[in-house]
Amino acid sequence: MATEKPIRLHESNLYAGGSLTIFDDGRRILEVKERKLTKNLNFQMHLVVAGDDLTILANKYYGSLVPKAKNYWHIIADANNIEKPWQLSEYIGSEIIIPDVLQWKLG
């Protein structure tokens, strides 16, 4: 069984306008206009709120996985095509992808 939901991402994100399908076995498929990603990618979604900062988010999501987790903010920025990582105010109300830091390090 699968649950499909629209995802609201910032317009600069590669996956903006797509939908996320989550299967009972944990597989996830992101569908976008011209592309379908079927690889079982481990990631989380984060709804950006006022006061969010990429170093804080990196520490929140990666803190128990890697030392000096805040230094991995660029993984989140790259995954979401964030050009001004020091300013997330234009992303408030949008969801951003938080990639699996361990997959990134090994890949």
N, C-alpha and C. Protein backbone atom coordinates (compact mmCIF):
# COMPACT_ATOMS: atom_id res chain seq x y z
N MET A 1 0.84 -1.18 0.00
CA MET A 1 0.00 0.00 0.00
C MET A 1 0.89 1.24 0.00
N ALA A 2 0.39 2.30 -0.59
CA ALA A 2 1.16 3.53 -0.69
C ALA A 2 0.29 4.73 -0.38
N THR A 3 0.94 5.76 0.15
CA THR A 3 0.27 7.02 0.41
C THR A 3 0.94 8.07 -0.46
N GLU A 4 0.16 8.82 -1.21
CA GLU A 4 0.72 9.87 -2.05
C GLU A 4 0.28 11.22 -1.51
N LYS A 5 1.22 12.15 -1.46
CA LYS A 5 0.86 13.50 -1.03
C LYS A 5 1.64 14.50 -1.85
N PRO A 6 1.03 15.63 -2.15
CA PRO A 6 1.78 16.67 -2.86
C PRO A 6 2.83 17.25 -1.92
N ILE A 7 3.95 17.64 -2.48
CA ILE A 7 4.96 18.28 -1.66
C ILE A 7 5.10 19.73 -2.08
N ARG A 8 5.18 20.60 -1.11
CA ARG A 8 5.31 22.02 -1.39
C ARG A 8 6.74 22.43 -1.09
N LEU A 9 7.52 22.57 -2.14
CA LEU A 9 8.92 22.93 -2.02
C LEU A 9 9.13 24.30 -2.63
N HIS A 10 10.24 24.92 -2.25
CA HIS A 10 10.59 26.21 -2.84
C HIS A 10 10.77 26.03 -4.34
N GLU A 11 10.36 27.01 -5.11
CA GLU A 11 10.37 26.91 -6.58
C GLU A 11 11.74 26.60 -7.17
N SER A 12 12.83 26.92 -6.46
CA SER A 12 14.16 26.65 -6.99
C SER A 12 14.57 25.20 -6.80
N ASN A 13 13.80 24.45 -6.02
CA ASN A 13 14.13 23.06 -5.75
C ASN A 13 13.85 22.20 -6.97
N LEU A 14 14.74 21.28 -7.24
CA LEU A 14 14.62 20.37 -8.38
C LEU A 14 13.29 19.62 -8.37
N TYR A 15 12.76 19.34 -7.19
CA TYR A 15 11.58 18.52 -7.07
C TYR A 15 10.30 19.33 -6.88
N ALA A 16 10.37 20.65 -7.01
CA ALA A 16 9.18 21.50 -6.81
C ALA A 16 8.07 21.07 -7.75
N GLY A 17 6.86 21.12 -7.25
CA GLY A 17 5.71 20.74 -8.07
C GLY A 17 5.50 19.26 -8.18
N GLY A 18 6.24 18.49 -7.44
CA GLY A 18 6.14 17.04 -7.52
C GLY A 18 5.24 16.47 -6.45
N SER A 19 5.27 15.16 -6.35
CA SER A 19 4.54 14.48 -5.30
C SER A 19 5.44 13.40 -4.71
N LEU A 20 5.18 13.08 -3.48
CA LEU A 20 5.97 12.09 -2.76
C LEU A 20 5.07 10.91 -2.46
N THR A 21 5.48 9.72 -2.88
CA THR A 21 4.75 8.51 -2.58
C THR A 21 5.57 7.71 -1.57
N ILE A 22 4.94 7.36 -0.44
CA ILE A 22 5.62 6.59 0.60
C ILE A 22 4.93 5.23 0.70
N PHE A 23 5.71 4.17 0.53
CA PHE A 23 5.18 2.82 0.60
C PHE A 23 5.31 2.27 2.01
N ASP A 24 4.49 1.30 2.34
CA ASP A 24 4.51 0.70 3.68
C ASP A 24 5.88 0.13 4.04
N ASP A 25 6.62 -0.34 3.05
CA ASP A 25 7.94 -0.91 3.33
C ASP A 25 9.04 0.16 3.45
N GLY A 26 8.65 1.44 3.40
CA GLY A 26 9.61 2.52 3.58
C GLY A 26 10.16 3.11 2.29
N ARG A 27 9.92 2.44 1.16
CA ARG A 27 10.39 3.02 -0.11
C ARG A 27 9.67 4.32 -0.37
N ARG A 28 10.38 5.25 -1.01
CA ARG A 28 9.81 6.54 -1.35
C ARG A 28 10.10 6.85 -2.81
N ILE A 29 9.12 7.41 -3.46
CA ILE A 29 9.31 7.83 -4.85
C ILE A 29 8.91 9.30 -4.95
N LEU A 30 9.84 10.10 -5.44
CA LEU A 30 9.54 11.50 -5.74
C LEU A 30 9.23 11.58 -7.22
N GLU A 31 8.08 12.14 -7.55
CA GLU A 31 7.73 12.31 -8.95
C GLU A 31 7.70 13.79 -9.28
N VAL A 32 8.36 14.13 -10.37
CA VAL A 32 8.37 15.50 -10.85
C VAL A 32 7.88 15.51 -12.28
N LYS A 33 7.73 16.70 -12.83
CA LYS A 33 7.13 16.84 -14.16
C LYS A 33 7.73 15.91 -15.22
N GLU A 34 9.03 15.88 -15.34
CA GLU A 34 9.64 15.11 -16.42
C GLU A 34 10.54 13.99 -15.93
N ARG A 35 10.52 13.72 -14.64
CA ARG A 35 11.49 12.79 -14.10
C ARG A 35 10.89 12.01 -12.94
N LYS A 36 11.23 10.75 -12.85
CA LYS A 36 10.77 9.93 -11.74
C LYS A 36 11.99 9.29 -11.08
N LEU A 37 12.17 9.58 -9.81
CA LEU A 37 13.28 9.00 -9.07
C LEU A 37 12.76 7.77 -8.34
N THR A 38 13.33 6.62 -8.64
CA THR A 38 12.83 5.40 -8.02
C THR A 38 13.85 4.78 -7.07
N LYS A 39 15.03 5.33 -6.98
CA LYS A 39 16.02 4.81 -6.04
C LYS A 39 15.50 5.01 -4.61
N ASN A 40 15.72 4.04 -3.77
CA ASN A 40 15.28 4.15 -2.39
C ASN A 40 16.22 5.09 -1.64
N LEU A 41 15.92 6.36 -1.71
CA LEU A 41 16.75 7.36 -1.06
C LEU A 41 16.27 7.57 0.37
N ASN A 42 17.21 7.65 1.29
CA ASN A 42 16.85 7.95 2.66
C ASN A 42 16.93 9.46 2.85
N PHE A 43 15.83 10.04 3.22
CA PHE A 43 15.80 11.47 3.47
C PHE A 43 14.61 11.77 4.36
N GLN A 44 14.62 12.97 4.89
CA GLN A 44 13.50 13.46 5.68
C GLN A 44 13.07 14.78 5.07
N MET A 45 11.89 15.21 5.41
CA MET A 45 11.41 16.52 4.98
C MET A 45 11.36 17.42 6.20
N HIS A 46 11.64 18.70 6.00
CA HIS A 46 11.59 19.67 7.10
C HIS A 46 10.81 20.89 6.62
N LEU A 47 9.81 21.29 7.38
CA LEU A 47 9.04 22.48 7.09
C LEU A 47 9.79 23.68 7.67
N VAL A 48 10.21 24.59 6.82
CA VAL A 48 11.00 25.75 7.27
C VAL A 48 10.10 26.73 8.01
N VAL A 49 10.59 27.14 9.18
CA VAL A 49 9.88 28.14 9.99
C VAL A 49 10.84 29.29 10.27
N ALA A 50 10.30 30.40 10.71
CA ALA A 50 11.12 31.57 11.04
C ALA A 50 12.18 31.16 12.07
N GLY A 51 13.38 31.62 11.85
CA GLY A 51 14.48 31.32 12.77
C GLY A 51 15.31 30.12 12.35
N ASP A 52 14.85 29.35 11.36
CA ASP A 52 15.64 28.21 10.90
C ASP A 52 16.93 28.70 10.24
N ASP A 53 17.95 27.90 10.40
CA ASP A 53 19.27 28.19 9.87
C ASP A 53 19.85 26.83 9.48
N LEU A 54 20.58 26.76 8.38
CA LEU A 54 21.08 25.46 7.92
C LEU A 54 22.02 24.79 8.90
N THR A 55 22.82 25.58 9.62
CA THR A 55 23.72 24.95 10.60
C THR A 55 22.91 24.35 11.75
N ILE A 56 21.84 25.02 12.15
CA ILE A 56 20.97 24.50 13.21
C ILE A 56 20.28 23.22 12.73
N LEU A 57 19.79 23.25 11.48
CA LEU A 57 19.12 22.06 10.94
C LEU A 57 20.09 20.89 10.80
N ALA A 58 21.30 21.17 10.34
CA ALA A 58 22.31 20.11 10.22
C ALA A 58 22.60 19.50 11.59
N ASN A 59 22.71 20.33 12.59
CA ASN A 59 22.97 19.84 13.94
C ASN A 59 21.77 19.02 14.45
N LYS A 60 20.57 19.49 14.16
CA LYS A 60 19.35 18.79 14.61
C LYS A 60 19.24 17.41 13.98
N TYR A 61 19.44 17.32 12.67
CA TYR A 61 19.22 16.06 11.96
C TYR A 61 20.46 15.15 11.93
N TYR A 62 21.65 15.72 12.03
CA TYR A 62 22.87 14.93 11.89
C TYR A 62 23.67 14.82 13.19
N GLY A 63 23.23 15.52 14.24
CA GLY A 63 24.00 15.61 15.48
C GLY A 63 24.39 14.28 16.11
N SER A 64 23.53 13.28 15.99
CA SER A 64 23.85 11.99 16.60
C SER A 64 24.58 11.06 15.62
N LEU A 65 24.81 11.53 14.40
CA LEU A 65 25.39 10.67 13.37
C LEU A 65 26.84 10.98 13.03
N VAL A 66 27.20 12.25 13.09
CA VAL A 66 28.56 12.66 12.71
C VAL A 66 29.07 13.72 13.69
N PRO A 67 30.40 13.75 13.90
CA PRO A 67 30.95 14.81 14.74
C PRO A 67 30.88 16.15 14.00
N LYS A 68 30.74 17.22 14.76
CA LYS A 68 30.66 18.57 14.19
C LYS A 68 29.58 18.64 13.11
N ALA A 69 28.41 18.15 13.47
CA ALA A 69 27.30 18.02 12.51
C ALA A 69 26.95 19.34 11.83
N LYS A 70 27.07 20.46 12.54
CA LYS A 70 26.69 21.75 11.95
C LYS A 70 27.51 22.07 10.70
N ASN A 71 28.68 21.45 10.58
CA ASN A 71 29.53 21.69 9.40
C ASN A 71 29.01 21.00 8.14
N TYR A 72 27.96 20.21 8.28
CA TYR A 72 27.39 19.50 7.13
C TYR A 72 26.18 20.23 6.54
N TRP A 73 26.02 21.49 6.86
CA TRP A 73 24.90 22.30 6.36
C TRP A 73 24.83 22.30 4.83
N HIS A 74 25.99 22.21 4.19
CA HIS A 74 26.04 22.30 2.72
C HIS A 74 25.34 21.14 2.03
N ILE A 75 25.21 19.99 2.70
CA ILE A 75 24.49 18.86 2.12
C ILE A 75 23.02 19.25 1.92
N ILE A 76 22.47 19.90 2.92
CA ILE A 76 21.07 20.34 2.84
C ILE A 76 20.93 21.43 1.77
N ALA A 77 21.88 22.36 1.75
CA ALA A 77 21.84 23.43 0.75
C ALA A 77 21.91 22.86 -0.66
N ASP A 78 22.82 21.92 -0.89
CA ASP A 78 22.97 21.32 -2.22
C ASP A 78 21.72 20.56 -2.65
N ALA A 79 21.14 19.81 -1.74
CA ALA A 79 19.97 18.99 -2.06
C ALA A 79 18.77 19.84 -2.45
N ASN A 80 18.75 21.08 -1.98
CA ASN A 80 17.60 21.95 -2.22
C ASN A 80 17.93 23.15 -3.11
N ASN A 81 19.12 23.15 -3.70
CA ASN A 81 19.55 24.26 -4.56
C ASN A 81 19.40 25.61 -3.88
N ILE A 82 19.78 25.67 -2.61
CA ILE A 82 19.68 26.90 -1.85
C ILE A 82 20.92 27.74 -2.15
N GLU A 83 20.70 28.87 -2.81
CA GLU A 83 21.81 29.72 -3.23
C GLU A 83 22.32 30.64 -2.12
N LYS A 84 21.45 30.99 -1.18
CA LYS A 84 21.83 31.87 -0.07
C LYS A 84 21.59 31.11 1.24
N PRO A 85 22.50 30.21 1.59
CA PRO A 85 22.25 29.35 2.75
C PRO A 85 22.18 30.09 4.08
N TRP A 86 22.65 31.29 4.12
CA TRP A 86 22.63 32.07 5.35
C TRP A 86 21.26 32.72 5.57
N GLN A 87 20.40 32.66 4.56
CA GLN A 87 19.09 33.32 4.67
C GLN A 87 18.00 32.38 4.17
N LEU A 88 17.23 31.85 5.10
CA LEU A 88 16.16 30.93 4.72
C LEU A 88 14.79 31.58 4.75
N SER A 89 14.72 32.88 4.95
CA SER A 89 13.42 33.55 5.10
C SER A 89 12.52 33.35 3.88
N GLU A 90 13.08 33.24 2.69
CA GLU A 90 12.24 33.05 1.51
C GLU A 90 11.71 31.62 1.40
N TYR A 91 12.19 30.73 2.26
CA TYR A 91 11.75 29.33 2.25
C TYR A 91 10.70 29.04 3.33
N ILE A 92 10.38 30.03 4.17
CA ILE A 92 9.42 29.81 5.25
C ILE A 92 8.10 29.31 4.67
N GLY A 93 7.60 28.23 5.23
CA GLY A 93 6.36 27.62 4.76
C GLY A 93 6.58 26.55 3.70
N SER A 94 7.82 26.40 3.23
CA SER A 94 8.15 25.37 2.25
C SER A 94 8.84 24.21 2.94
N GLU A 95 8.72 23.03 2.34
CA GLU A 95 9.45 21.88 2.86
C GLU A 95 10.77 21.77 2.12
N ILE A 96 11.80 21.41 2.85
CA ILE A 96 13.10 21.15 2.22
C ILE A 96 13.50 19.70 2.53
N ILE A 97 14.33 19.18 1.67
CA ILE A 97 14.80 17.80 1.81
C ILE A 97 16.02 17.79 2.73
N ILE A 98 16.02 16.86 3.67
CA ILE A 98 17.18 16.64 4.54
C ILE A 98 17.74 15.28 4.14
N PRO A 99 18.79 15.27 3.31
CA PRO A 99 19.36 13.99 2.86
C PRO A 99 20.00 13.21 4.01
N ASP A 100 20.15 11.93 3.81
CA ASP A 100 20.83 11.07 4.77
C ASP A 100 22.33 11.39 4.71
N VAL A 101 22.87 11.92 5.78
CA VAL A 101 24.27 12.34 5.80
C VAL A 101 25.21 11.15 5.63
N LEU A 102 24.82 9.97 6.10
CA LEU A 102 25.69 8.80 5.97
C LEU A 102 25.74 8.30 4.54
N GLN A 103 24.64 8.35 3.83
CA GLN A 103 24.66 8.00 2.40
C GLN A 103 25.52 8.99 1.64
N TRP A 104 25.40 10.26 1.98
CA TRP A 104 26.18 11.29 1.29
C TRP A 104 27.67 11.07 1.51
N LYS A 105 28.06 10.79 2.74
CA LYS A 105 29.48 10.60 3.05
C LYS A 105 30.05 9.37 2.34
N LEU A 106 29.25 8.31 2.26
CA LEU A 106 29.72 7.08 1.64
C LEU A 106 29.62 7.11 0.13
N GLY A 107 28.68 7.92 -0.38
CA GLY A 107 28.44 7.97 -1.81
C GLY A 107 29.35 8.94 -2.45
